[in-house]
Amino acid sequence: TVSFSSNADSTAPDLNSAIAETPFLIHLYFSEDIDSTNALRKDNYSGVGNINKVCWYEDEVTLNLAAPLSLGSNQSVTVEGTDGTGIKDINGNYMGDKTKGFTVPNTDYQGSSYGSGDWLEIQITPSTVSTGNQTVYVTVIQKNACGYLTGSNAINRSSDVGSVSIIRGGAYQGKISAPSSLSLSDGKVSFDVTTTFDAAGQSATITVSASGVTSGTAAITCSGS
C-alpha cells in the first residue's frame, strides 16, 4: 500500500495591520503573499473614502486616497476577502472580510493625493527655528503614488535614484548650511542643517533634485528669539 501526503497550502491569509503613512496613504500588511489580481481591485477596500490607486507588492498593499483623512484621527479600513473577487493568497485561499483600525499622523508632508512618476519628499524637523545657531533634521525620501519607495515597496519605483543634489535658496540662504549632495540608501537619506537667522521672518529653502524624479522643496523659517 502506498500512501501520499499533501503539502498544499490550505491556510487563509490574514490582515495583520493597517498603518497610515500620510493622510492620503494607507498601508495594509498581510500574513503572507497575496494574489495581485484581486488585491488591485479598488472595490475590495472600504471605510476610507474614494481610492485613487491601489499598489500591490507581495504581502503588502497601499491605498492612495482621493481625499485626506483628518489629521490625528482614528480610522478603520475593511478589506473584502470573500470568494470570487476578494483577497486571497497565491494558492487561492480566501481571507474572509477583515477590519483594522489605525491612527492618521498629525503632520501632512504630502499635501495632495499624488502626481505622476516619482518625486522627492522633504521632511524638516523643526521647520520653524529661533534666532542664533540652531540645528534642524532633514529627511529626503523617494516617493510616488504607492508611498515611500523603501523596503519591499522599492519594486514600485519608476527610477532608481543613487544620489541627490541639495540646493539652498531664498533671500537668507546664506544663513543655512547643508551638504551639496548625498547618496540615498533604500530610497532615503537624512542629514543635519545648521541655521543662523538673526531676526523673525527670515527664511530659506532647501531643494533636493535628482535625475528621473520630480524635485522637492521645503522652507525653514525663523520665528524670532
N, C-alpha and C. Protein backbone atom coordinates (compact mmCIF):
# COMPACT_ATOMS: atom_id res chain seq x y z
N THR A 1 0.84 -1.19 0.00
CA THR A 1 0.00 0.00 0.00
C THR A 1 0.88 1.24 0.00
N VAL A 2 0.58 2.14 -0.88
CA VAL A 2 1.34 3.39 -0.99
C VAL A 2 0.44 4.53 -0.54
N SER A 3 0.93 5.34 0.38
CA SER A 3 0.15 6.50 0.84
C SER A 3 0.85 7.78 0.42
N PHE A 4 0.07 8.79 0.17
CA PHE A 4 0.61 10.08 -0.24
C PHE A 4 0.14 11.15 0.74
N SER A 5 1.02 12.07 1.01
CA SER A 5 0.64 13.22 1.86
C SER A 5 0.65 14.49 1.02
N SER A 6 -0.24 15.37 1.33
CA SER A 6 -0.35 16.61 0.58
C SER A 6 0.25 17.77 1.36
N ASN A 7 1.09 18.54 0.66
CA ASN A 7 1.69 19.72 1.28
C ASN A 7 1.02 21.00 0.80
N ALA A 8 -0.15 20.84 0.18
CA ALA A 8 -0.85 22.01 -0.35
C ALA A 8 -1.21 22.97 0.77
N ASP A 9 -1.05 24.25 0.50
CA ASP A 9 -1.36 25.29 1.48
C ASP A 9 -2.87 25.46 1.57
N SER A 10 -3.43 25.28 2.75
CA SER A 10 -4.87 25.48 2.95
C SER A 10 -5.15 26.56 3.99
N THR A 11 -4.09 27.28 4.39
CA THR A 11 -4.23 28.31 5.41
C THR A 11 -4.57 29.64 4.76
N ALA A 12 -5.64 30.25 5.22
CA ALA A 12 -6.06 31.53 4.66
C ALA A 12 -5.14 32.65 5.14
N PRO A 13 -4.93 33.66 4.31
CA PRO A 13 -4.13 34.81 4.75
C PRO A 13 -4.91 35.63 5.77
N ASP A 14 -4.18 36.48 6.48
CA ASP A 14 -4.83 37.36 7.46
C ASP A 14 -4.34 38.79 7.23
N LEU A 15 -5.13 39.74 7.65
CA LEU A 15 -4.74 41.14 7.61
C LEU A 15 -4.10 41.48 8.95
N ASN A 16 -2.77 41.60 8.95
CA ASN A 16 -2.06 41.82 10.21
C ASN A 16 -2.24 43.22 10.77
N SER A 17 -2.14 44.23 9.90
CA SER A 17 -2.22 45.59 10.39
C SER A 17 -2.50 46.56 9.26
N ALA A 18 -2.96 47.74 9.63
CA ALA A 18 -3.15 48.86 8.71
C ALA A 18 -2.44 50.06 9.32
N ILE A 19 -1.62 50.75 8.52
CA ILE A 19 -0.84 51.88 9.02
C ILE A 19 -0.96 53.04 8.04
N ALA A 20 -1.27 54.21 8.56
CA ALA A 20 -1.35 55.41 7.73
C ALA A 20 0.03 56.05 7.65
N GLU A 21 0.58 56.08 6.45
CA GLU A 21 1.87 56.75 6.22
C GLU A 21 1.68 58.26 6.19
N THR A 22 0.60 58.69 5.53
CA THR A 22 0.19 60.08 5.47
C THR A 22 -1.34 60.08 5.51
N PRO A 23 -2.00 61.25 5.55
CA PRO A 23 -3.47 61.26 5.47
C PRO A 23 -4.02 60.73 4.15
N PHE A 24 -3.13 60.59 3.15
CA PHE A 24 -3.55 60.09 1.83
C PHE A 24 -3.18 58.63 1.58
N LEU A 25 -2.27 58.07 2.38
CA LEU A 25 -1.71 56.75 2.08
C LEU A 25 -1.91 55.79 3.23
N ILE A 26 -2.55 54.65 2.94
CA ILE A 26 -2.78 53.61 3.94
C ILE A 26 -2.07 52.34 3.49
N HIS A 27 -1.20 51.81 4.34
CA HIS A 27 -0.52 50.56 4.04
C HIS A 27 -1.21 49.41 4.76
N LEU A 28 -1.46 48.33 4.03
CA LEU A 28 -2.06 47.12 4.59
C LEU A 28 -1.03 46.00 4.55
N TYR A 29 -0.84 45.35 5.69
CA TYR A 29 0.17 44.29 5.80
C TYR A 29 -0.53 42.96 6.06
N PHE A 30 -0.29 41.99 5.16
CA PHE A 30 -0.91 40.68 5.25
C PHE A 30 0.07 39.64 5.78
N SER A 31 -0.46 38.52 6.22
CA SER A 31 0.36 37.49 6.85
C SER A 31 1.18 36.68 5.85
N GLU A 32 0.86 36.81 4.57
CA GLU A 32 1.59 36.09 3.52
C GLU A 32 1.35 36.79 2.19
N ASP A 33 2.06 36.35 1.16
CA ASP A 33 1.88 36.93 -0.17
C ASP A 33 0.45 36.70 -0.65
N ILE A 34 -0.12 37.74 -1.25
CA ILE A 34 -1.50 37.64 -1.73
C ILE A 34 -1.54 37.80 -3.25
N ASP A 35 -2.61 37.28 -3.83
CA ASP A 35 -2.80 37.33 -5.27
C ASP A 35 -2.96 38.77 -5.73
N SER A 36 -2.20 39.16 -6.77
CA SER A 36 -2.18 40.56 -7.18
C SER A 36 -3.47 40.98 -7.89
N THR A 37 -4.10 40.08 -8.64
CA THR A 37 -5.28 40.45 -9.43
C THR A 37 -6.40 40.98 -8.54
N ASN A 38 -6.75 40.22 -7.50
CA ASN A 38 -7.80 40.67 -6.60
C ASN A 38 -7.34 41.79 -5.67
N ALA A 39 -6.05 41.77 -5.32
CA ALA A 39 -5.52 42.81 -4.43
C ALA A 39 -5.60 44.19 -5.05
N LEU A 40 -5.54 44.28 -6.37
CA LEU A 40 -5.55 45.57 -7.06
C LEU A 40 -6.95 46.10 -7.34
N ARG A 41 -7.98 45.39 -6.92
CA ARG A 41 -9.36 45.84 -7.10
C ARG A 41 -9.72 46.89 -6.04
N LYS A 42 -10.08 48.09 -6.46
CA LYS A 42 -10.43 49.15 -5.51
C LYS A 42 -11.64 48.79 -4.67
N ASP A 43 -12.59 48.04 -5.25
CA ASP A 43 -13.82 47.74 -4.52
C ASP A 43 -13.64 46.72 -3.41
N ASN A 44 -12.42 46.24 -3.21
CA ASN A 44 -12.16 45.34 -2.09
C ASN A 44 -11.83 46.09 -0.80
N TYR A 45 -11.82 47.42 -0.86
CA TYR A 45 -11.43 48.22 0.30
C TYR A 45 -12.49 49.29 0.56
N SER A 46 -12.89 49.42 1.80
CA SER A 46 -13.93 50.40 2.13
C SER A 46 -13.66 51.01 3.50
N GLY A 47 -14.35 52.13 3.76
CA GLY A 47 -14.26 52.80 5.05
C GLY A 47 -13.32 53.98 5.07
N VAL A 48 -12.59 54.20 3.95
CA VAL A 48 -11.60 55.29 3.92
C VAL A 48 -11.88 56.28 2.79
N GLY A 49 -13.09 56.25 2.24
CA GLY A 49 -13.42 57.17 1.16
C GLY A 49 -13.00 56.63 -0.20
N ASN A 50 -13.05 57.49 -1.19
CA ASN A 50 -12.70 57.09 -2.55
C ASN A 50 -11.20 56.82 -2.68
N ILE A 51 -10.87 55.81 -3.46
CA ILE A 51 -9.49 55.39 -3.63
C ILE A 51 -9.04 55.71 -5.05
N ASN A 52 -7.95 56.46 -5.16
CA ASN A 52 -7.41 56.80 -6.48
C ASN A 52 -6.64 55.65 -7.10
N LYS A 53 -5.84 54.98 -6.28
CA LYS A 53 -4.96 53.94 -6.80
C LYS A 53 -4.67 52.91 -5.72
N VAL A 54 -4.54 51.65 -6.15
CA VAL A 54 -4.11 50.57 -5.28
C VAL A 54 -2.76 50.06 -5.77
N CYS A 55 -1.81 49.92 -4.88
CA CYS A 55 -0.49 49.37 -5.21
C CYS A 55 -0.31 48.05 -4.47
N TRP A 56 0.25 47.06 -5.16
CA TRP A 56 0.47 45.75 -4.56
C TRP A 56 1.95 45.41 -4.59
N TYR A 57 2.45 44.81 -3.52
CA TYR A 57 3.82 44.29 -3.52
C TYR A 57 3.91 43.13 -2.54
N GLU A 58 3.61 41.95 -3.09
CA GLU A 58 3.73 40.67 -2.39
C GLU A 58 2.77 40.56 -1.21
N ASP A 59 3.22 40.83 0.00
CA ASP A 59 2.33 40.70 1.17
C ASP A 59 1.86 42.05 1.70
N GLU A 60 1.96 43.10 0.86
CA GLU A 60 1.53 44.45 1.26
C GLU A 60 0.70 45.09 0.16
N VAL A 61 -0.18 46.00 0.57
CA VAL A 61 -0.98 46.79 -0.35
C VAL A 61 -0.99 48.23 0.16
N THR A 62 -0.92 49.18 -0.76
CA THR A 62 -1.04 50.59 -0.40
C THR A 62 -2.28 51.17 -1.07
N LEU A 63 -3.08 51.88 -0.29
CA LEU A 63 -4.24 52.59 -0.81
C LEU A 63 -3.92 54.07 -0.89
N ASN A 64 -4.03 54.63 -2.09
CA ASN A 64 -3.82 56.06 -2.28
C ASN A 64 -5.19 56.71 -2.38
N LEU A 65 -5.54 57.54 -1.40
CA LEU A 65 -6.89 58.08 -1.27
C LEU A 65 -7.09 59.36 -2.08
N ALA A 66 -8.32 59.55 -2.53
CA ALA A 66 -8.66 60.75 -3.29
C ALA A 66 -8.69 61.99 -2.41
N ALA A 67 -9.04 61.83 -1.15
CA ALA A 67 -9.10 62.95 -0.21
C ALA A 67 -8.43 62.54 1.10
N PRO A 68 -7.78 63.48 1.79
CA PRO A 68 -7.06 63.12 3.01
C PRO A 68 -8.00 62.82 4.17
N LEU A 69 -7.57 61.90 5.02
CA LEU A 69 -8.26 61.67 6.28
C LEU A 69 -7.84 62.75 7.28
N SER A 70 -8.64 62.98 8.27
CA SER A 70 -8.37 64.05 9.24
C SER A 70 -7.10 63.74 10.04
N LEU A 71 -6.25 64.76 10.16
CA LEU A 71 -5.00 64.60 10.90
C LEU A 71 -5.28 64.15 12.34
N GLY A 72 -4.53 63.14 12.79
CA GLY A 72 -4.64 62.67 14.16
C GLY A 72 -5.87 61.86 14.48
N SER A 73 -6.70 61.58 13.48
CA SER A 73 -7.95 60.87 13.75
C SER A 73 -7.75 59.36 13.79
N ASN A 74 -8.67 58.68 14.48
CA ASN A 74 -8.70 57.22 14.49
C ASN A 74 -9.66 56.74 13.40
N GLN A 75 -9.18 55.85 12.55
CA GLN A 75 -9.95 55.39 11.41
C GLN A 75 -9.91 53.86 11.35
N SER A 76 -10.68 53.28 10.44
CA SER A 76 -10.61 51.84 10.20
C SER A 76 -10.87 51.57 8.73
N VAL A 77 -10.29 50.50 8.24
CA VAL A 77 -10.46 50.08 6.85
C VAL A 77 -10.95 48.64 6.84
N THR A 78 -11.90 48.34 5.97
CA THR A 78 -12.41 46.98 5.82
C THR A 78 -11.94 46.42 4.49
N VAL A 79 -11.41 45.21 4.53
CA VAL A 79 -10.88 44.54 3.34
C VAL A 79 -11.74 43.32 3.06
N GLU A 80 -12.28 43.24 1.85
CA GLU A 80 -13.15 42.13 1.48
C GLU A 80 -12.32 40.92 1.07
N GLY A 81 -12.67 39.77 1.64
CA GLY A 81 -11.92 38.56 1.32
C GLY A 81 -12.82 37.38 1.04
N THR A 82 -14.02 37.65 0.54
CA THR A 82 -14.95 36.56 0.23
C THR A 82 -14.63 35.94 -1.13
N ASP A 83 -15.16 34.75 -1.34
CA ASP A 83 -14.87 34.00 -2.57
C ASP A 83 -15.24 34.80 -3.81
N GLY A 84 -14.44 34.63 -4.83
CA GLY A 84 -14.71 35.28 -6.11
C GLY A 84 -13.70 36.37 -6.39
N THR A 85 -13.96 37.56 -5.90
CA THR A 85 -13.08 38.70 -6.20
C THR A 85 -12.35 39.24 -4.98
N GLY A 86 -12.56 38.64 -3.81
CA GLY A 86 -11.93 39.13 -2.59
C GLY A 86 -10.46 38.76 -2.49
N ILE A 87 -9.84 39.20 -1.42
CA ILE A 87 -8.41 38.95 -1.20
C ILE A 87 -8.17 37.47 -0.93
N LYS A 88 -7.18 36.93 -1.63
CA LYS A 88 -6.79 35.52 -1.44
C LYS A 88 -5.28 35.42 -1.55
N ASP A 89 -4.73 34.33 -1.04
CA ASP A 89 -3.29 34.14 -1.17
C ASP A 89 -2.97 33.56 -2.55
N ILE A 90 -1.70 33.36 -2.83
CA ILE A 90 -1.30 32.92 -4.16
C ILE A 90 -1.69 31.46 -4.44
N ASN A 91 -2.18 30.76 -3.41
CA ASN A 91 -2.66 29.39 -3.59
C ASN A 91 -4.19 29.33 -3.65
N GLY A 92 -4.85 30.47 -3.63
CA GLY A 92 -6.29 30.51 -3.80
C GLY A 92 -7.11 30.47 -2.54
N ASN A 93 -6.47 30.58 -1.38
CA ASN A 93 -7.21 30.59 -0.12
C ASN A 93 -7.73 31.99 0.17
N TYR A 94 -9.05 32.12 0.29
CA TYR A 94 -9.64 33.44 0.53
C TYR A 94 -9.54 33.82 2.00
N MET A 95 -9.33 35.11 2.23
CA MET A 95 -9.05 35.59 3.58
C MET A 95 -10.30 35.72 4.44
N GLY A 96 -11.45 36.04 3.82
CA GLY A 96 -12.62 36.44 4.61
C GLY A 96 -12.52 37.94 4.91
N ASP A 97 -13.64 38.57 5.17
CA ASP A 97 -13.64 40.01 5.40
C ASP A 97 -12.94 40.35 6.72
N LYS A 98 -12.10 41.39 6.67
CA LYS A 98 -11.34 41.81 7.84
C LYS A 98 -11.39 43.33 7.98
N THR A 99 -11.38 43.80 9.22
CA THR A 99 -11.35 45.24 9.50
C THR A 99 -10.22 45.53 10.47
N LYS A 100 -9.45 46.58 10.17
CA LYS A 100 -8.36 47.00 11.05
C LYS A 100 -8.44 48.50 11.30
N GLY A 101 -8.14 48.89 12.53
CA GLY A 101 -8.09 50.30 12.88
C GLY A 101 -6.68 50.85 12.75
N PHE A 102 -6.59 52.17 12.62
CA PHE A 102 -5.29 52.83 12.54
C PHE A 102 -5.46 54.30 12.90
N THR A 103 -4.35 54.96 13.18
CA THR A 103 -4.37 56.39 13.54
C THR A 103 -3.64 57.18 12.46
N VAL A 104 -4.26 58.26 12.02
CA VAL A 104 -3.68 59.12 10.99
C VAL A 104 -2.60 60.00 11.62
N PRO A 105 -1.46 60.21 10.96
CA PRO A 105 -0.42 61.08 11.51
C PRO A 105 -0.92 62.50 11.75
N ASN A 106 -0.25 63.21 12.64
CA ASN A 106 -0.62 64.59 12.94
C ASN A 106 -0.01 65.60 11.97
N THR A 107 0.91 65.14 11.12
CA THR A 107 1.58 66.02 10.17
C THR A 107 1.39 65.49 8.76
N ASP A 108 1.12 66.39 7.82
CA ASP A 108 0.96 66.01 6.41
C ASP A 108 2.08 66.63 5.59
N TYR A 109 3.11 65.82 5.26
CA TYR A 109 4.20 66.32 4.42
C TYR A 109 3.84 66.25 2.94
N GLN A 110 2.80 65.51 2.61
CA GLN A 110 2.49 65.25 1.20
C GLN A 110 1.65 66.36 0.58
N GLY A 111 0.52 66.71 1.20
CA GLY A 111 -0.26 67.86 0.78
C GLY A 111 -1.24 67.65 -0.35
N SER A 112 -1.11 66.58 -1.11
CA SER A 112 -2.05 66.31 -2.20
C SER A 112 -2.08 64.81 -2.46
N SER A 113 -3.04 64.37 -3.25
CA SER A 113 -3.24 62.94 -3.44
C SER A 113 -2.03 62.29 -4.08
N TYR A 114 -1.71 62.62 -5.29
CA TYR A 114 -0.47 62.15 -5.91
C TYR A 114 -0.32 62.74 -7.29
N GLY A 115 0.94 62.78 -7.76
CA GLY A 115 1.22 63.20 -9.13
C GLY A 115 1.68 62.01 -9.93
N SER A 116 2.19 62.28 -11.10
CA SER A 116 2.70 61.20 -11.94
C SER A 116 4.18 60.99 -11.67
N GLY A 117 4.63 59.75 -11.79
CA GLY A 117 6.04 59.46 -11.59
C GLY A 117 6.46 59.53 -10.14
N ASP A 118 7.77 59.49 -9.94
CA ASP A 118 8.35 59.55 -8.60
C ASP A 118 8.74 60.99 -8.27
N TRP A 119 8.73 61.31 -6.96
CA TRP A 119 9.20 62.61 -6.53
C TRP A 119 9.99 62.46 -5.24
N LEU A 120 10.66 63.53 -4.84
CA LEU A 120 11.43 63.55 -3.61
C LEU A 120 10.69 64.38 -2.57
N GLU A 121 10.34 63.76 -1.47
CA GLU A 121 9.67 64.46 -0.37
C GLU A 121 10.70 64.87 0.66
N ILE A 122 10.58 66.11 1.14
CA ILE A 122 11.50 66.63 2.16
C ILE A 122 10.74 66.82 3.46
N GLN A 123 11.24 66.24 4.52
CA GLN A 123 10.68 66.42 5.86
C GLN A 123 11.70 67.15 6.73
N ILE A 124 11.32 68.32 7.26
CA ILE A 124 12.21 69.13 8.08
C ILE A 124 11.64 69.23 9.49
N THR A 125 12.46 68.88 10.48
CA THR A 125 12.03 68.92 11.88
C THR A 125 13.08 69.61 12.74
N PRO A 126 12.74 70.77 13.36
CA PRO A 126 11.53 71.55 13.13
C PRO A 126 11.71 72.44 11.91
N SER A 127 10.61 72.87 11.31
CA SER A 127 10.71 73.75 10.15
C SER A 127 10.70 75.23 10.55
N THR A 128 10.41 75.50 11.83
CA THR A 128 10.48 76.87 12.37
C THR A 128 11.49 76.88 13.51
N VAL A 129 12.43 77.83 13.46
CA VAL A 129 13.50 77.88 14.44
C VAL A 129 13.59 79.28 15.05
N SER A 130 14.33 79.38 16.12
CA SER A 130 14.60 80.69 16.74
C SER A 130 15.91 81.25 16.19
N THR A 131 16.25 82.47 16.60
CA THR A 131 17.48 83.09 16.15
C THR A 131 18.70 82.38 16.74
N GLY A 132 19.85 82.68 16.17
CA GLY A 132 21.08 82.08 16.67
C GLY A 132 21.40 80.77 15.97
N ASN A 133 22.36 80.09 16.52
CA ASN A 133 22.82 78.83 15.93
C ASN A 133 21.87 77.70 16.30
N GLN A 134 21.15 77.17 15.32
CA GLN A 134 20.18 76.10 15.54
C GLN A 134 20.44 74.95 14.56
N THR A 135 19.97 73.77 14.92
CA THR A 135 20.12 72.61 14.04
C THR A 135 18.76 71.99 13.77
N VAL A 136 18.48 71.74 12.51
CA VAL A 136 17.25 71.04 12.12
C VAL A 136 17.62 69.73 11.45
N TYR A 137 16.69 68.79 11.48
CA TYR A 137 16.92 67.45 10.95
C TYR A 137 16.10 67.30 9.67
N VAL A 138 16.77 66.94 8.59
CA VAL A 138 16.13 66.84 7.28
C VAL A 138 16.17 65.39 6.79
N THR A 139 15.02 64.89 6.33
CA THR A 139 14.94 63.58 5.71
C THR A 139 14.38 63.73 4.31
N VAL A 140 15.04 63.09 3.36
CA VAL A 140 14.60 63.07 1.96
C VAL A 140 14.22 61.63 1.61
N ILE A 141 13.02 61.45 1.07
CA ILE A 141 12.54 60.11 0.73
C ILE A 141 11.98 60.10 -0.68
N GLN A 142 12.37 59.11 -1.47
CA GLN A 142 11.79 58.93 -2.80
C GLN A 142 10.38 58.36 -2.64
N LYS A 143 9.45 58.91 -3.42
CA LYS A 143 8.04 58.59 -3.20
C LYS A 143 7.27 58.65 -4.51
N ASN A 144 6.16 57.91 -4.56
CA ASN A 144 5.20 58.07 -5.65
C ASN A 144 3.81 57.72 -5.12
N ALA A 145 2.88 57.45 -6.01
CA ALA A 145 1.51 57.16 -5.59
C ALA A 145 1.41 55.95 -4.68
N CYS A 146 2.44 55.11 -4.67
CA CYS A 146 2.44 53.92 -3.82
C CYS A 146 3.05 54.18 -2.45
N GLY A 147 3.48 55.43 -2.19
CA GLY A 147 4.03 55.76 -0.89
C GLY A 147 5.54 55.85 -0.92
N TYR A 148 6.15 55.75 0.27
CA TYR A 148 7.60 55.80 0.36
C TYR A 148 8.19 54.56 -0.29
N LEU A 149 9.14 54.77 -1.20
CA LEU A 149 9.66 53.66 -2.00
C LEU A 149 10.87 53.04 -1.33
N THR A 150 10.63 52.52 -0.14
CA THR A 150 11.65 51.86 0.65
C THR A 150 11.23 50.42 0.92
N GLY A 151 12.18 49.59 1.34
CA GLY A 151 11.86 48.20 1.65
C GLY A 151 11.26 47.49 0.46
N SER A 152 10.24 46.67 0.71
CA SER A 152 9.62 45.89 -0.37
C SER A 152 8.88 46.77 -1.37
N ASN A 153 8.54 48.00 -0.97
CA ASN A 153 7.86 48.93 -1.88
C ASN A 153 8.80 49.47 -2.94
N ALA A 154 10.08 49.15 -2.85
CA ALA A 154 11.04 49.61 -3.85
C ALA A 154 10.71 49.06 -5.24
N ILE A 155 9.96 47.96 -5.31
CA ILE A 155 9.62 47.39 -6.63
C ILE A 155 8.70 48.32 -7.42
N ASN A 156 8.10 49.31 -6.75
CA ASN A 156 7.21 50.25 -7.43
C ASN A 156 7.91 51.52 -7.88
N ARG A 157 9.23 51.60 -7.73
CA ARG A 157 9.96 52.78 -8.21
C ARG A 157 9.95 52.83 -9.73
N SER A 158 9.80 54.03 -10.26
CA SER A 158 9.93 54.21 -11.71
C SER A 158 11.35 54.60 -12.07
N SER A 159 12.14 55.00 -11.08
CA SER A 159 13.53 55.37 -11.30
C SER A 159 14.33 55.07 -10.05
N ASP A 160 15.51 54.49 -10.22
CA ASP A 160 16.39 54.22 -9.08
C ASP A 160 17.32 55.40 -8.88
N VAL A 161 17.11 56.14 -7.81
CA VAL A 161 17.91 57.33 -7.51
C VAL A 161 19.11 56.93 -6.69
N GLY A 162 20.31 57.23 -7.20
CA GLY A 162 21.52 56.92 -6.47
C GLY A 162 21.93 58.04 -5.53
N SER A 163 21.93 59.28 -6.06
CA SER A 163 22.33 60.42 -5.25
C SER A 163 21.45 61.62 -5.58
N VAL A 164 21.43 62.59 -4.67
CA VAL A 164 20.62 63.80 -4.84
C VAL A 164 21.51 65.02 -4.67
N SER A 165 21.14 66.10 -5.40
CA SER A 165 21.80 67.39 -5.22
C SER A 165 20.96 68.24 -4.27
N ILE A 166 21.62 68.95 -3.37
CA ILE A 166 20.95 69.75 -2.35
C ILE A 166 21.31 71.22 -2.60
N ILE A 167 20.28 72.04 -2.85
CA ILE A 167 20.49 73.43 -3.24
C ILE A 167 19.80 74.34 -2.23
N ARG A 168 20.52 75.31 -1.70
CA ARG A 168 19.94 76.31 -0.82
C ARG A 168 19.34 77.45 -1.65
N GLY A 169 18.25 78.04 -1.15
CA GLY A 169 17.61 79.12 -1.89
C GLY A 169 16.97 80.13 -0.96
N GLY A 170 16.45 81.21 -1.55
CA GLY A 170 15.81 82.25 -0.76
C GLY A 170 16.76 83.38 -0.40
N ALA A 171 16.18 84.48 0.07
CA ALA A 171 16.96 85.67 0.38
C ALA A 171 17.99 85.44 1.50
N TYR A 172 17.70 84.50 2.38
CA TYR A 172 18.58 84.26 3.52
C TYR A 172 19.26 82.89 3.45
N GLN A 173 19.50 82.44 2.22
CA GLN A 173 20.14 81.13 2.05
C GLN A 173 21.52 81.07 2.68
N GLY A 174 22.18 82.23 2.82
CA GLY A 174 23.49 82.26 3.44
C GLY A 174 23.47 81.97 4.92
N LYS A 175 22.29 81.95 5.50
CA LYS A 175 22.16 81.69 6.94
C LYS A 175 21.81 80.23 7.24
N ILE A 176 21.89 79.36 6.23
CA ILE A 176 21.76 77.93 6.48
C ILE A 176 22.93 77.21 5.82
N SER A 177 23.36 76.13 6.42
CA SER A 177 24.43 75.32 5.85
C SER A 177 23.94 73.89 5.69
N ALA A 178 24.26 73.30 4.54
CA ALA A 178 23.80 71.95 4.23
C ALA A 178 24.79 71.31 3.26
N PRO A 179 24.87 70.00 3.23
CA PRO A 179 25.73 69.34 2.24
C PRO A 179 25.22 69.63 0.83
N SER A 180 26.11 69.56 -0.17
CA SER A 180 25.72 69.85 -1.55
C SER A 180 25.16 68.63 -2.27
N SER A 181 25.50 67.45 -1.80
CA SER A 181 24.97 66.22 -2.40
C SER A 181 25.12 65.07 -1.42
N LEU A 182 24.24 64.08 -1.56
CA LEU A 182 24.27 62.90 -0.71
C LEU A 182 23.73 61.71 -1.49
N SER A 183 24.10 60.52 -1.07
CA SER A 183 23.59 59.29 -1.68
C SER A 183 22.41 58.76 -0.89
N LEU A 184 21.42 58.24 -1.61
CA LEU A 184 20.27 57.61 -0.97
C LEU A 184 20.59 56.16 -0.64
N SER A 185 20.07 55.70 0.47
CA SER A 185 20.16 54.30 0.86
C SER A 185 18.75 53.79 1.10
N ASP A 186 18.35 52.77 0.37
CA ASP A 186 16.98 52.25 0.45
C ASP A 186 15.96 53.37 0.21
N GLY A 187 16.27 54.25 -0.75
CA GLY A 187 15.32 55.28 -1.14
C GLY A 187 15.22 56.48 -0.24
N LYS A 188 16.17 56.65 0.71
CA LYS A 188 16.06 57.78 1.62
C LYS A 188 17.44 58.18 2.15
N VAL A 189 17.50 59.40 2.68
CA VAL A 189 18.72 59.88 3.32
C VAL A 189 18.33 60.97 4.31
N SER A 190 19.08 61.08 5.41
CA SER A 190 18.84 62.10 6.42
C SER A 190 20.13 62.87 6.69
N PHE A 191 19.97 64.15 7.03
CA PHE A 191 21.15 64.98 7.31
C PHE A 191 20.74 66.17 8.17
N ASP A 192 21.74 66.81 8.81
CA ASP A 192 21.51 67.98 9.64
C ASP A 192 21.74 69.25 8.83
N VAL A 193 20.97 70.30 9.14
CA VAL A 193 21.16 71.63 8.58
C VAL A 193 21.32 72.60 9.74
N THR A 194 22.33 73.44 9.68
CA THR A 194 22.55 74.45 10.71
C THR A 194 22.01 75.79 10.23
N THR A 195 21.26 76.49 11.09
CA THR A 195 20.71 77.80 10.76
C THR A 195 21.29 78.86 11.68
N THR A 196 21.45 80.09 11.12
CA THR A 196 21.98 81.21 11.91
C THR A 196 21.16 82.47 11.65
N PHE A 197 19.85 82.34 11.59
CA PHE A 197 18.99 83.50 11.40
C PHE A 197 19.15 84.47 12.57
N ASP A 198 18.96 85.79 12.29
CA ASP A 198 19.10 86.76 13.37
C ASP A 198 17.88 87.65 13.54
N ALA A 199 16.77 87.32 12.85
CA ALA A 199 15.55 88.11 13.01
C ALA A 199 14.34 87.29 12.59
N ALA A 200 13.23 87.57 13.23
CA ALA A 200 11.98 86.88 12.88
C ALA A 200 11.59 87.18 11.43
N GLY A 201 11.03 86.19 10.77
CA GLY A 201 10.58 86.35 9.40
C GLY A 201 11.60 85.96 8.35
N GLN A 202 12.85 85.84 8.76
CA GLN A 202 13.86 85.37 7.80
C GLN A 202 13.60 83.91 7.47
N SER A 203 13.84 83.53 6.22
CA SER A 203 13.62 82.14 5.82
C SER A 203 14.53 81.78 4.66
N ALA A 204 14.70 80.50 4.47
CA ALA A 204 15.47 79.97 3.35
C ALA A 204 14.86 78.64 2.94
N THR A 205 15.16 78.21 1.75
CA THR A 205 14.61 76.95 1.24
C THR A 205 15.71 75.94 0.96
N ILE A 206 15.31 74.70 0.97
CA ILE A 206 16.19 73.60 0.56
C ILE A 206 15.48 72.86 -0.57
N THR A 207 16.15 72.74 -1.71
CA THR A 207 15.62 71.99 -2.84
C THR A 207 16.51 70.77 -3.07
N VAL A 208 15.88 69.63 -3.22
CA VAL A 208 16.60 68.38 -3.45
C VAL A 208 16.18 67.86 -4.82
N SER A 209 17.15 67.56 -5.67
CA SER A 209 16.85 67.11 -7.03
C SER A 209 17.69 65.91 -7.42
N ALA A 210 17.20 65.16 -8.40
CA ALA A 210 17.91 64.01 -8.93
C ALA A 210 17.33 63.69 -10.31
N SER A 211 18.10 63.02 -11.12
CA SER A 211 17.66 62.67 -12.46
C SER A 211 16.52 61.66 -12.40
N GLY A 212 15.48 61.89 -13.21
CA GLY A 212 14.39 60.92 -13.35
C GLY A 212 13.27 61.07 -12.35
N VAL A 213 13.37 62.03 -11.42
CA VAL A 213 12.32 62.24 -10.42
C VAL A 213 12.03 63.73 -10.30
N THR A 214 10.86 64.07 -9.75
CA THR A 214 10.50 65.46 -9.51
C THR A 214 11.17 65.97 -8.25
N SER A 215 11.74 67.17 -8.34
CA SER A 215 12.44 67.75 -7.19
C SER A 215 11.48 68.09 -6.06
N GLY A 216 12.02 68.20 -4.87
CA GLY A 216 11.25 68.62 -3.70
C GLY A 216 11.85 69.87 -3.09
N THR A 217 11.01 70.74 -2.56
CA THR A 217 11.46 71.97 -1.91
C THR A 217 10.73 72.18 -0.60
N ALA A 218 11.44 72.59 0.42
CA ALA A 218 10.83 72.90 1.71
C ALA A 218 11.54 74.10 2.32
N ALA A 219 10.83 74.81 3.20
CA ALA A 219 11.37 76.04 3.78
C ALA A 219 11.65 75.89 5.25
N ILE A 220 12.64 76.68 5.70
CA ILE A 220 12.95 76.83 7.13
C ILE A 220 12.75 78.30 7.47
N THR A 221 11.98 78.61 8.50
CA THR A 221 11.63 79.98 8.83
C THR A 221 12.00 80.30 10.27
N CYS A 222 12.44 81.54 10.49
CA CYS A 222 12.80 81.99 11.83
C CYS A 222 11.60 82.68 12.49
N SER A 223 11.31 82.26 13.71
CA SER A 223 10.19 82.82 14.45
C SER A 223 10.61 83.94 15.39
N GLY A 224 11.91 84.17 15.50
CA GLY A 224 12.42 85.18 16.41
C GLY A 224 13.21 84.56 17.54
N SER A 225 13.53 85.37 18.53
CA SER A 225 14.38 84.89 19.63
C SER A 225 13.58 84.05 20.62
